Amino acid sequence: MHSSEIPQNQIIKTETQLVLQQADSDEHLIELWLYGRSRHTQRAYRKEIQTFIASMTKPLNRITLGDLQNFASTILASELQPASIHRALSAIKSLFAFGQRLGYLQYDVAKPLILPPIRDKLSERILEESEVKMMIGLENMPRNKMILLTLYATGFRVSELCSLKWKDIQTRDNGSAQITVFGKGGKTRTVLIPKSVWSQLLSIKNDASDEAPVFRSQKGGHVSECQAWRIVARAAKRAGIPKAVSCHWLRHANASHSLDNNAPLHLVQATLGHSSIGTTGRYLHASPKDSTGNYLDLG
């Protein structure tokens, strides 16, 4: 029988079977959904989905919108922080949308699920320039000082910083240097670093090869993200900052302080690797320099 003679319903059935072969179980679907994401995202999303599935007594293809709404109501009534609830429901919506696109799920029942609004707390996570300088200045260990300085000077994510090798850094003719990182979303970007930072960074290289980590652990490998977080947290405590400061706060500081000093918005976007100028623009709103109140006669 020629293909033109095959009944249409049989062709559709065959195509559907081929699509379903891409995911043959809920567990397989989850692995396909997580594939290619960062380690941090995989860890967080896997935890959220495991909690969700544990609360259900049926496979994904039998879950209804009502089931999702009941789950949402349960966690909304819990003691979880709004951001945690938002992340959990976002992960569920993403998984169901992926399953439907793949053909594993007939419908995306999570599409109508409404995410709760969350307050933007970016302004609460921006350090003053004096606080950052104190964190760096009070650090006595050369490697740790350079971790702090590099995070601030480049705006790198902690994963980008910890994976750096010396071969990722190239010297420029004017005495500065550039660092190339493989960042979030599989995007590569190159960031210039000032002469002052590059000269200090060279001071910790010694005789390291191009393949060696820029920031070594005690065992000689790459410093871990957890260790970098501890270094930043201790530096903040040493500087008398009564907040739970993390590596990402120095990324925020890079964006906010450079904009304060008249850096172009598109340059900050490129340096931080934001996919949207709107994401970068949040820093303008988080630390405003003017308001309409300054133009009112308030007596």
C-alpha atoms as a PDB file:
ATOM      1  CA  MET A   1       0.000   0.000   0.000  1.00  0.00           C
ATOM      2  CA  HIS A   2       1.339   3.400  -0.978  1.00  0.00           C
ATOM      3  CA  SER A   3       1.538   6.146   1.677  1.00  0.00           C
ATOM      4  CA  SER A   4      -1.184   8.030  -0.197  1.00  0.00           C
ATOM      5  CA  GLU A   5      -3.488   5.059   0.395  1.00  0.00           C
ATOM      6  CA  ILE A   6      -2.911   4.884   4.179  1.00  0.00           C
ATOM      7  CA  PRO A   7      -5.991   6.090   6.104  1.00  0.00           C
ATOM      8  CA  GLN A   8      -5.478   9.527   7.674  1.00  0.00           C
ATOM      9  CA  ASN A   9      -6.382   8.333  11.181  1.00  0.00           C
ATOM     10  CA  GLN A  10      -3.662   5.674  10.971  1.00  0.00           C
ATOM     11  CA  ILE A  11      -1.059   8.298   9.971  1.00  0.00           C
ATOM     12  CA  ILE A  12      -2.062  10.486  12.933  1.00  0.00           C
ATOM     13  CA  LYS A  13      -1.882   7.503  15.288  1.00  0.00           C
ATOM     14  CA  THR A  14       1.580   6.569  14.019  1.00  0.00           C
ATOM     15  CA  GLU A  15       2.862  10.144  14.444  1.00  0.00           C
ATOM     16  CA  THR A  16       1.444  10.297  17.982  1.00  0.00           C
ATOM     17  CA  GLN A  17       3.158   7.032  18.889  1.00  0.00           C
ATOM     18  CA  LEU A  18       6.474   8.402  17.641  1.00  0.00           C
ATOM     19  CA  VAL A  19       6.065  11.548  19.775  1.00  0.00           C
ATOM     20  CA  LEU A  20       5.150   9.567  22.892  1.00  0.00           C
ATOM     21  CA  GLN A  21       8.313   7.510  22.468  1.00  0.00           C
ATOM     22  CA  GLN A  22      10.268  10.617  23.462  1.00  0.00           C
ATOM     23  CA  ALA A  23       8.909  10.259  27.028  1.00  0.00           C
ATOM     24  CA  ASP A  24       7.674   6.874  28.207  1.00  0.00           C
ATOM     25  CA  SER A  25       6.923   7.756  31.848  1.00  0.00           C
ATOM     26  CA  ASP A  26       6.376  10.702  34.165  1.00  0.00           C
ATOM     27  CA  GLU A  27       9.918  10.278  35.482  1.00  0.00           C
ATOM     28  CA  HIS A  28      11.334  10.283  31.951  1.00  0.00           C
ATOM     29  CA  LEU A  29       9.359  13.420  31.108  1.00  0.00           C
ATOM     30  CA  ILE A  30      10.781  15.204  34.141  1.00  0.00           C
ATOM     31  CA  GLU A  31      14.339  14.298  33.135  1.00  0.00           C
ATOM     32  CA  LEU A  32      13.743  15.606  29.603  1.00  0.00           C
ATOM     33  CA  TRP A  33      12.234  18.790  31.053  1.00  0.00           C
ATOM     34  CA  LEU A  34      15.229  19.385  33.345  1.00  0.00           C
ATOM     35  CA  TYR A  35      17.827  18.614  30.687  1.00  0.00           C
ATOM     36  CA  GLY A  36      20.137  21.502  29.824  1.00  0.00           C
ATOM     37  CA  ARG A  37      19.187  23.660  32.810  1.00  0.00           C
ATOM     38  CA  SER A  38      21.797  24.836  35.306  1.00  0.00           C
ATOM     39  CA  ARG A  39      22.630  22.609  38.284  1.00  0.00           C
ATOM     40  CA  HIS A  40      21.004  25.111  40.616  1.00  0.00           C
ATOM     41  CA  THR A  41      17.782  25.237  38.588  1.00  0.00           C
ATOM     42  CA  GLN A  42      17.661  21.456  38.224  1.00  0.00           C
ATOM     43  CA  ARG A  43      18.080  21.011  41.963  1.00  0.00           C
ATOM     44  CA  ALA A  44      15.376  23.555  42.814  1.00  0.00           C
ATOM     45  CA  TYR A  45      12.863  22.411  40.167  1.00  0.00           C
ATOM     46  CA  ARG A  46      13.347  18.721  40.960  1.00  0.00           C
ATOM     47  CA  LYS A  47      12.604  19.381  44.626  1.00  0.00           C
ATOM     48  CA  GLU A  48       9.440  21.322  43.774  1.00  0.00           C
ATOM     49  CA  ILE A  49       8.134  18.674  41.393  1.00  0.00           C
ATOM     50  CA  GLN A  50       8.924  15.812  43.772  1.00  0.00           C
ATOM     51  CA  THR A  51       6.937  17.564  46.510  1.00  0.00           C
ATOM     52  CA  PHE A  52       4.043  18.095  44.102  1.00  0.00           C
ATOM     53  CA  ILE A  53       3.992  14.505  42.808  1.00  0.00           C
ATOM     54  CA  ALA A  54       4.190  13.133  46.363  1.00  0.00           C
ATOM     55  CA  SER A  55       0.958  14.976  47.170  1.00  0.00           C
ATOM     56  CA  MET A  56      -0.858  13.459  44.190  1.00  0.00           C
ATOM     57  CA  THR A  57      -2.235   9.923  43.966  1.00  0.00           C
ATOM     58  CA  LYS A  58      -2.395   9.787  40.182  1.00  0.00           C
ATOM     59  CA  PRO A  59      -0.023  10.100  37.197  1.00  0.00           C
ATOM     60  CA  LEU A  60       0.498  13.432  35.455  1.00  0.00           C
ATOM     61  CA  ASN A  61      -1.855  12.623  32.566  1.00  0.00           C
ATOM     62  CA  ARG A  62      -4.784  12.194  34.996  1.00  0.00           C
ATOM     63  CA  ILE A  63      -4.219  15.355  37.008  1.00  0.00           C
ATOM     64  CA  THR A  64      -6.898  18.008  36.535  1.00  0.00           C
ATOM     65  CA  LEU A  65      -6.983  21.763  36.930  1.00  0.00           C
ATOM     66  CA  GLY A  66      -8.970  21.185  40.107  1.00  0.00           C
ATOM     67  CA  ASP A  67      -6.137  19.052  41.511  1.00  0.00           C
ATOM     68  CA  LEU A  68      -3.673  21.848  40.741  1.00  0.00           C
ATOM     69  CA  GLN A  69      -5.881  24.489  42.326  1.00  0.00           C
ATOM     70  CA  ASN A  70      -6.273  22.388  45.470  1.00  0.00           C
ATOM     71  CA  PHE A  71      -2.505  21.983  45.658  1.00  0.00           C
ATOM     72  CA  ALA A  72      -2.044  25.720  45.152  1.00  0.00           C
ATOM     73  CA  SER A  73      -4.557  26.480  47.912  1.00  0.00           C
ATOM     74  CA  THR A  74      -2.710  24.136  50.269  1.00  0.00           C
ATOM     75  CA  ILE A  75       0.692  25.741  49.818  1.00  0.00           C
ATOM     76  CA  LEU A  76      -0.796  29.247  49.840  1.00  0.00           C
ATOM     77  CA  ALA A  77      -2.141  28.454  53.310  1.00  0.00           C
ATOM     78  CA  SER A  78       1.237  27.126  54.452  1.00  0.00           C
ATOM     79  CA  GLU A  79       4.104  29.040  56.024  1.00  0.00           C
ATOM     80  CA  LEU A  80       6.107  29.104  52.807  1.00  0.00           C
ATOM     81  CA  GLN A  81       7.416  32.462  51.648  1.00  0.00           C
ATOM     82  CA  PRO A  82       5.573  34.016  48.660  1.00  0.00           C
ATOM     83  CA  ALA A  83       8.669  33.631  46.475  1.00  0.00           C
ATOM     84  CA  SER A  84       8.856  29.906  47.289  1.00  0.00           C
ATOM     85  CA  ILE A  85       5.178  29.424  46.448  1.00  0.00           C
ATOM     86  CA  HIS A  86       5.612  31.312  43.191  1.00  0.00           C
ATOM     87  CA  ARG A  87       8.624  29.162  42.259  1.00  0.00           C
ATOM     88  CA  ALA A  88       6.786  25.918  43.044  1.00  0.00           C
ATOM     89  CA  LEU A  89       3.741  26.799  40.930  1.00  0.00           C
ATOM     90  CA  SER A  90       5.947  28.172  38.139  1.00  0.00           C
ATOM     91  CA  ALA A  91       7.804  24.852  38.011  1.00  0.00           C
ATOM     92  CA  ILE A  92       4.511  22.929  37.785  1.00  0.00           C
ATOM     93  CA  LYS A  93       3.201  25.169  34.996  1.00  0.00           C
ATOM     94  CA  SER A  94       6.479  24.785  33.109  1.00  0.00           C
ATOM     95  CA  LEU A  95       6.426  20.984  33.376  1.00  0.00           C
ATOM     96  CA  PHE A  96       2.847  20.637  32.150  1.00  0.00           C
ATOM     97  CA  ALA A  97       3.451  23.052  29.268  1.00  0.00           C
ATOM     98  CA  PHE A  98       6.537  21.049  28.268  1.00  0.00           C
ATOM     99  CA  GLY A  99       4.659  17.760  28.511  1.00  0.00           C
ATOM    100  CA  GLN A 100       1.886  19.075  26.262  1.00  0.00           C
ATOM    101  CA  ARG A 101       4.352  20.458  23.697  1.00  0.00           C
ATOM    102  CA  LEU A 102       6.160  17.132  23.618  1.00  0.00           C
ATOM    103  CA  GLY A 103       2.903  15.256  23.067  1.00  0.00           C
ATOM    104  CA  TYR A 104       3.187  13.266  26.277  1.00  0.00           C
ATOM    105  CA  LEU A 105       0.237  15.127  27.823  1.00  0.00           C
ATOM    106  CA  GLN A 106      -2.880  15.670  25.764  1.00  0.00           C
ATOM    107  CA  TYR A 107      -3.734  18.957  27.478  1.00  0.00           C
ATOM    108  CA  ASP A 108      -1.851  21.612  29.409  1.00  0.00           C
ATOM    109  CA  VAL A 109      -4.195  21.660  32.387  1.00  0.00           C
ATOM    110  CA  ALA A 110      -1.861  23.988  34.278  1.00  0.00           C
ATOM    111  CA  LYS A 111      -2.143  26.785  31.727  1.00  0.00           C
ATOM    112  CA  PRO A 112      -5.117  28.507  33.458  1.00  0.00           C
ATOM    113  CA  LEU A 113      -3.442  28.249  36.875  1.00  0.00           C
ATOM    114  CA  ILE A 114      -2.872  31.780  38.171  1.00  0.00           C
ATOM    115  CA  LEU A 115       0.423  32.528  39.862  1.00  0.00           C
ATOM    116  CA  PRO A 116       0.250  34.619  43.032  1.00  0.00           C
ATOM    117  CA  PRO A 117       1.928  38.031  42.797  1.00  0.00           C
ATOM    118  CA  ILE A 118       5.190  38.469  44.649  1.00  0.00           C
ATOM    119  CA  ARG A 119       6.773  41.620  45.962  1.00  0.00           C
ATOM    120  CA  ASP A 120       9.936  42.747  44.211  1.00  0.00           C
ATOM    121  CA  LYS A 121      12.577  42.852  46.953  1.00  0.00           C
ATOM    122  CA  LEU A 122      15.480  43.859  44.741  1.00  0.00           C
ATOM    123  CA  SER A 123      15.875  47.221  46.481  1.00  0.00           C
ATOM    124  CA  GLU A 124      16.427  45.392  49.783  1.00  0.00           C
ATOM    125  CA  ARG A 125      19.362  43.459  48.306  1.00  0.00           C
ATOM    126  CA  ILE A 126      21.440  46.347  47.010  1.00  0.00           C
ATOM    127  CA  LEU A 127      24.472  47.188  49.120  1.00  0.00           C
ATOM    128  CA  GLU A 128      25.973  50.655  49.429  1.00  0.00           C
ATOM    129  CA  GLU A 129      29.309  51.198  47.675  1.00  0.00           C
ATOM    130  CA  SER A 130      30.922  51.798  51.067  1.00  0.00           C
ATOM    131  CA  GLU A 131      29.635  48.423  52.308  1.00  0.00           C
ATOM    132  CA  VAL A 132      31.081  46.560  49.329  1.00  0.00           C
ATOM    133  CA  LYS A 133      34.431  48.324  49.687  1.00  0.00           C
ATOM    134  CA  MET A 134      34.501  47.404  53.362  1.00  0.00           C
ATOM    135  CA  MET A 135      33.741  43.755  52.594  1.00  0.00           C
ATOM    136  CA  ILE A 136      36.658  43.653  50.152  1.00  0.00           C
ATOM    137  CA  GLY A 137      39.015  45.758  52.257  1.00  0.00           C
ATOM    138  CA  LEU A 138      38.619  43.705  55.434  1.00  0.00           C
ATOM    139  CA  GLU A 139      39.290  40.370  53.690  1.00  0.00           C
ATOM    140  CA  ASN A 140      42.884  39.279  54.364  1.00  0.00           C
ATOM    141  CA  MET A 141      43.069  36.054  52.344  1.00  0.00           C
ATOM    142  CA  PRO A 142      44.260  36.892  48.787  1.00  0.00           C
ATOM    143  CA  ARG A 143      42.069  34.309  47.048  1.00  0.00           C
ATOM    144  CA  ASN A 144      38.950  35.301  48.989  1.00  0.00           C
ATOM    145  CA  LYS A 145      39.613  39.010  48.417  1.00  0.00           C
ATOM    146  CA  MET A 146      39.823  38.366  44.671  1.00  0.00           C
ATOM    147  CA  ILE A 147      36.604  36.358  44.726  1.00  0.00           C
ATOM    148  CA  LEU A 148      34.834  39.336  46.281  1.00  0.00           C
ATOM    149  CA  LEU A 149      36.469  41.848  43.947  1.00  0.00           C
ATOM    150  CA  THR A 150      35.826  39.783  40.810  1.00  0.00           C
ATOM    151  CA  LEU A 151      32.172  39.199  41.671  1.00  0.00           C
ATOM    152  CA  TYR A 152      31.711  42.934  42.155  1.00  0.00           C
ATOM    153  CA  ALA A 153      33.792  44.100  39.174  1.00  0.00           C
ATOM    154  CA  THR A 154      32.255  41.700  36.645  1.00  0.00           C
ATOM    155  CA  GLY A 155      28.729  41.048  37.901  1.00  0.00           C
ATOM    156  CA  PHE A 156      29.270  37.333  37.328  1.00  0.00           C
ATOM    157  CA  ARG A 157      26.895  34.733  38.685  1.00  0.00           C
ATOM    158  CA  VAL A 158      28.530  32.518  41.304  1.00  0.00           C
ATOM    159  CA  SER A 159      28.431  29.517  38.939  1.00  0.00           C
ATOM    160  CA  GLU A 160      30.260  31.544  36.289  1.00  0.00           C
ATOM    161  CA  LEU A 161      32.928  32.670  38.740  1.00  0.00           C
ATOM    162  CA  CYS A 162      33.569  29.221  40.215  1.00  0.00           C
ATOM    163  CA  SER A 163      34.018  27.577  36.805  1.00  0.00           C
ATOM    164  CA  LEU A 164      36.657  30.046  35.553  1.00  0.00           C
ATOM    165  CA  LYS A 165      39.950  28.767  34.198  1.00  0.00           C
ATOM    166  CA  TRP A 166      42.979  30.927  33.389  1.00  0.00           C
ATOM    167  CA  LYS A 167      42.492  30.189  29.691  1.00  0.00           C
ATOM    168  CA  ASP A 168      39.191  32.095  29.897  1.00  0.00           C
ATOM    169  CA  ILE A 169      41.120  35.345  30.487  1.00  0.00           C
ATOM    170  CA  GLN A 170      42.938  37.243  27.746  1.00  0.00           C
ATOM    171  CA  THR A 171      45.168  40.280  28.277  1.00  0.00           C
ATOM    172  CA  ARG A 172      44.376  43.441  26.297  1.00  0.00           C
ATOM    173  CA  ASP A 173      46.960  45.815  24.799  1.00  0.00           C
ATOM    174  CA  ASN A 174      46.115  48.576  27.283  1.00  0.00           C
ATOM    175  CA  GLY A 175      46.948  46.407  30.293  1.00  0.00           C
ATOM    176  CA  SER A 176      43.385  45.423  31.112  1.00  0.00           C
ATOM    177  CA  ALA A 177      41.920  42.004  30.368  1.00  0.00           C
ATOM    178  CA  GLN A 178      38.746  40.284  29.269  1.00  0.00           C
ATOM    179  CA  ILE A 179      37.031  37.224  30.668  1.00  0.00           C
ATOM    180  CA  THR A 180      34.821  34.931  28.611  1.00  0.00           C
ATOM    181  CA  VAL A 181      32.152  32.981  30.476  1.00  0.00           C
ATOM    182  CA  PHE A 182      29.587  30.378  29.450  1.00  0.00           C
ATOM    183  CA  GLY A 183      26.537  31.649  31.258  1.00  0.00           C
ATOM    184  CA  LYS A 184      22.863  31.068  31.911  1.00  0.00           C
ATOM    185  CA  GLY A 185      20.818  29.789  28.983  1.00  0.00           C
ATOM    186  CA  GLY A 186      23.922  28.469  27.241  1.00  0.00           C
ATOM    187  CA  LYS A 187      25.020  31.976  26.274  1.00  0.00           C
ATOM    188  CA  THR A 188      28.655  32.990  26.006  1.00  0.00           C
ATOM    189  CA  ARG A 189      29.667  36.559  26.810  1.00  0.00           C
ATOM    190  CA  THR A 190      32.920  38.430  27.229  1.00  0.00           C
ATOM    191  CA  VAL A 191      33.396  40.998  29.989  1.00  0.00           C
ATOM    192  CA  LEU A 192      36.202  43.539  30.303  1.00  0.00           C
ATOM    193  CA  ILE A 193      37.940  43.888  33.646  1.00  0.00           C
ATOM    194  CA  PRO A 194      39.864  47.047  34.653  1.00  0.00           C
ATOM    195  CA  LYS A 195      43.664  47.143  34.892  1.00  0.00           C
ATOM    196  CA  SER A 196      43.525  47.414  38.672  1.00  0.00           C
ATOM    197  CA  VAL A 197      41.478  44.219  38.990  1.00  0.00           C
ATOM    198  CA  TRP A 198      43.556  42.319  36.435  1.00  0.00           C
ATOM    199  CA  SER A 199      46.846  43.170  38.149  1.00  0.00           C
ATOM    200  CA  GLN A 200      45.494  41.919  41.470  1.00  0.00           C
ATOM    201  CA  LEU A 201      44.092  38.789  39.856  1.00  0.00           C
ATOM    202  CA  LEU A 202      47.500  38.001  38.351  1.00  0.00           C
ATOM    203  CA  SER A 203      48.988  38.100  41.844  1.00  0.00           C
ATOM    204  CA  ILE A 204      47.221  34.851  42.755  1.00  0.00           C
ATOM    205  CA  LYS A 205      48.074  32.997  39.543  1.00  0.00           C
ATOM    206  CA  ASN A 206      51.695  32.117  40.382  1.00  0.00           C
ATOM    207  CA  ASP A 207      52.708  29.264  38.042  1.00  0.00           C
ATOM    208  CA  ALA A 208      49.197  27.960  37.336  1.00  0.00           C
ATOM    209  CA  SER A 209      48.586  26.536  33.856  1.00  0.00           C
ATOM    210  CA  ASP A 210      45.931  27.826  31.479  1.00  0.00           C
ATOM    211  CA  GLU A 211      43.765  24.802  32.332  1.00  0.00           C
ATOM    212  CA  ALA A 212      43.959  25.460  36.092  1.00  0.00           C
ATOM    213  CA  PRO A 213      41.042  26.999  38.009  1.00  0.00           C
ATOM    214  CA  VAL A 214      41.332  30.718  38.657  1.00  0.00           C
ATOM    215  CA  PHE A 215      39.950  30.199  42.145  1.00  0.00           C
ATOM    216  CA  ARG A 216      41.287  26.971  43.613  1.00  0.00           C
ATOM    217  CA  SER A 217      39.832  24.926  46.424  1.00  0.00           C
ATOM    218  CA  GLN A 218      42.112  23.508  49.122  1.00  0.00           C
ATOM    219  CA  LYS A 219      42.237  20.263  47.128  1.00  0.00           C
ATOM    220  CA  GLY A 220      43.349  22.069  43.969  1.00  0.00           C
ATOM    221  CA  GLY A 221      40.085  21.941  42.039  1.00  0.00           C
ATOM    222  CA  HIS A 222      37.583  24.684  41.406  1.00  0.00           C
ATOM    223  CA  VAL A 223      36.268  26.428  44.509  1.00  0.00           C
ATOM    224  CA  SER A 224      32.673  25.293  45.067  1.00  0.00           C
ATOM    225  CA  GLU A 225      29.661  27.570  44.883  1.00  0.00           C
ATOM    226  CA  CYS A 226      28.879  26.796  48.530  1.00  0.00           C
ATOM    227  CA  GLN A 227      32.375  27.867  49.552  1.00  0.00           C
ATOM    228  CA  ALA A 228      32.063  31.109  47.570  1.00  0.00           C
ATOM    229  CA  TRP A 229      28.760  31.829  49.315  1.00  0.00           C
ATOM    230  CA  ARG A 230      30.402  31.258  52.717  1.00  0.00           C
ATOM    231  CA  ILE A 231      33.244  33.622  51.805  1.00  0.00           C
ATOM    232  CA  VAL A 232      30.765  36.360  50.884  1.00  0.00           C
ATOM    233  CA  ALA A 233      28.609  35.779  53.959  1.00  0.00           C
ATOM    234  CA  ARG A 234      31.625  35.964  56.285  1.00  0.00           C
ATOM    235  CA  ALA A 235      32.866  39.120  54.555  1.00  0.00           C
ATOM    236  CA  ALA A 236      29.476  40.790  55.070  1.00  0.00           C
ATOM    237  CA  LYS A 237      29.411  39.791  58.735  1.00  0.00           C
ATOM    238  CA  ARG A 238      32.971  41.064  59.197  1.00  0.00           C
ATOM    239  CA  ALA A 239      31.904  44.391  57.671  1.00  0.00           C
ATOM    240  CA  GLY A 240      29.026  44.649  60.127  1.00  0.00           C
ATOM    241  CA  ILE A 241      26.268  44.257  57.527  1.00  0.00           C
ATOM    242  CA  PRO A 242      23.238  42.796  59.354  1.00  0.00           C
ATOM    243  CA  LYS A 243      21.761  41.095  56.289  1.00  0.00           C
ATOM    244  CA  ALA A 244      21.946  37.647  54.714  1.00  0.00           C
ATOM    245  CA  VAL A 245      24.300  38.790  51.955  1.00  0.00           C
ATOM    246  CA  SER A 246      25.010  36.294  49.166  1.00  0.00           C
ATOM    247  CA  CYS A 247      27.159  36.260  46.026  1.00  0.00           C
ATOM    248  CA  HIS A 248      24.216  37.521  43.982  1.00  0.00           C
ATOM    249  CA  TRP A 249      24.117  40.706  46.058  1.00  0.00           C
ATOM    250  CA  LEU A 250      27.485  41.668  44.553  1.00  0.00           C
ATOM    251  CA  ARG A 251      25.988  41.127  41.091  1.00  0.00           C
ATOM    252  CA  HIS A 252      23.145  43.458  42.097  1.00  0.00           C
ATOM    253  CA  ALA A 253      25.711  45.949  43.396  1.00  0.00           C
ATOM    254  CA  ASN A 254      27.608  45.870  40.091  1.00  0.00           C
ATOM    255  CA  ALA A 255      24.450  46.770  38.162  1.00  0.00           C
ATOM    256  CA  SER A 256      23.112  49.365  40.567  1.00  0.00           C
ATOM    257  CA  HIS A 257      26.392  51.167  41.255  1.00  0.00           C
ATOM    258  CA  SER A 258      27.438  51.279  37.592  1.00  0.00           C
ATOM    259  CA  LEU A 259      24.058  52.759  36.638  1.00  0.00           C
ATOM    260  CA  ASP A 260      24.422  55.284  39.472  1.00  0.00           C
ATOM    261  CA  ASN A 261      27.709  56.293  37.846  1.00  0.00           C
ATOM    262  CA  ASN A 262      26.038  56.799  34.450  1.00  0.00           C
ATOM    263  CA  ALA A 263      26.883  53.500  32.765  1.00  0.00           C
ATOM    264  CA  PRO A 264      24.625  52.972  29.697  1.00  0.00           C
ATOM    265  CA  LEU A 265      21.732  50.610  30.364  1.00  0.00           C
ATOM    266  CA  HIS A 266      22.562  48.457  27.339  1.00  0.00           C
ATOM    267  CA  LEU A 267      26.154  48.033  28.577  1.00  0.00           C
ATOM    268  CA  VAL A 268      24.955  46.824  31.977  1.00  0.00           C
ATOM    269  CA  GLN A 269      22.596  44.435  30.198  1.00  0.00           C
ATOM    270  CA  ALA A 270      25.452  43.019  28.100  1.00  0.00           C
ATOM    271  CA  THR A 271      27.836  42.741  31.056  1.00  0.00           C
ATOM    272  CA  LEU A 272      25.367  40.877  33.250  1.00  0.00           C
ATOM    273  CA  GLY A 273      24.058  38.737  30.387  1.00  0.00           C
ATOM    274  CA  HIS A 274      20.400  39.722  30.761  1.00  0.00           C
ATOM    275  CA  SER A 275      18.234  38.526  27.880  1.00  0.00           C
ATOM    276  CA  SER A 276      15.875  41.471  28.326  1.00  0.00           C
ATOM    277  CA  ILE A 277      16.595  45.162  28.838  1.00  0.00           C
ATOM    278  CA  GLY A 278      13.550  45.131  31.115  1.00  0.00           C
ATOM    279  CA  THR A 279      15.402  42.913  33.588  1.00  0.00           C
ATOM    280  CA  THR A 280      18.282  45.374  33.717  1.00  0.00           C
ATOM    281  CA  GLY A 281      15.864  48.283  34.025  1.00  0.00           C
ATOM    282  CA  ARG A 282      14.655  46.944  37.368  1.00  0.00           C
ATOM    283  CA  TYR A 283      17.803  48.383  38.925  1.00  0.00           C
ATOM    284  CA  LEU A 284      16.774  51.882  37.916  1.00  0.00           C
ATOM    285  CA  HIS A 285      13.510  51.467  39.800  1.00  0.00           C
ATOM    286  CA  ALA A 286      15.132  49.712  42.754  1.00  0.00           C
ATOM    287  CA  SER A 287      17.392  52.668  43.511  1.00  0.00           C
ATOM    288  CA  PRO A 288      15.718  55.828  42.155  1.00  0.00           C
ATOM    289  CA  LYS A 289      17.596  59.112  42.121  1.00  0.00           C
ATOM    290  CA  ASP A 290      14.539  61.341  41.774  1.00  0.00           C
ATOM    291  CA  SER A 291      10.792  61.332  42.324  1.00  0.00           C
ATOM    292  CA  THR A 292       7.802  63.544  41.564  1.00  0.00           C
ATOM    293  CA  GLY A 293       7.723  64.595  45.233  1.00  0.00           C
ATOM    294  CA  ASN A 294      10.817  66.706  44.602  1.00  0.00           C
ATOM    295  CA  TYR A 295       8.796  68.785  42.159  1.00  0.00           C
ATOM    296  CA  LEU A 296       5.920  69.556  44.525  1.00  0.00           C
ATOM    297  CA  ASP A 297       5.427  72.491  46.836  1.00  0.00           C
ATOM    298  CA  LEU A 298       5.329  70.630  50.115  1.00  0.00           C
ATOM    299  CA  GLY A 299       5.810  73.705  52.298  1.00  0.00           C
END
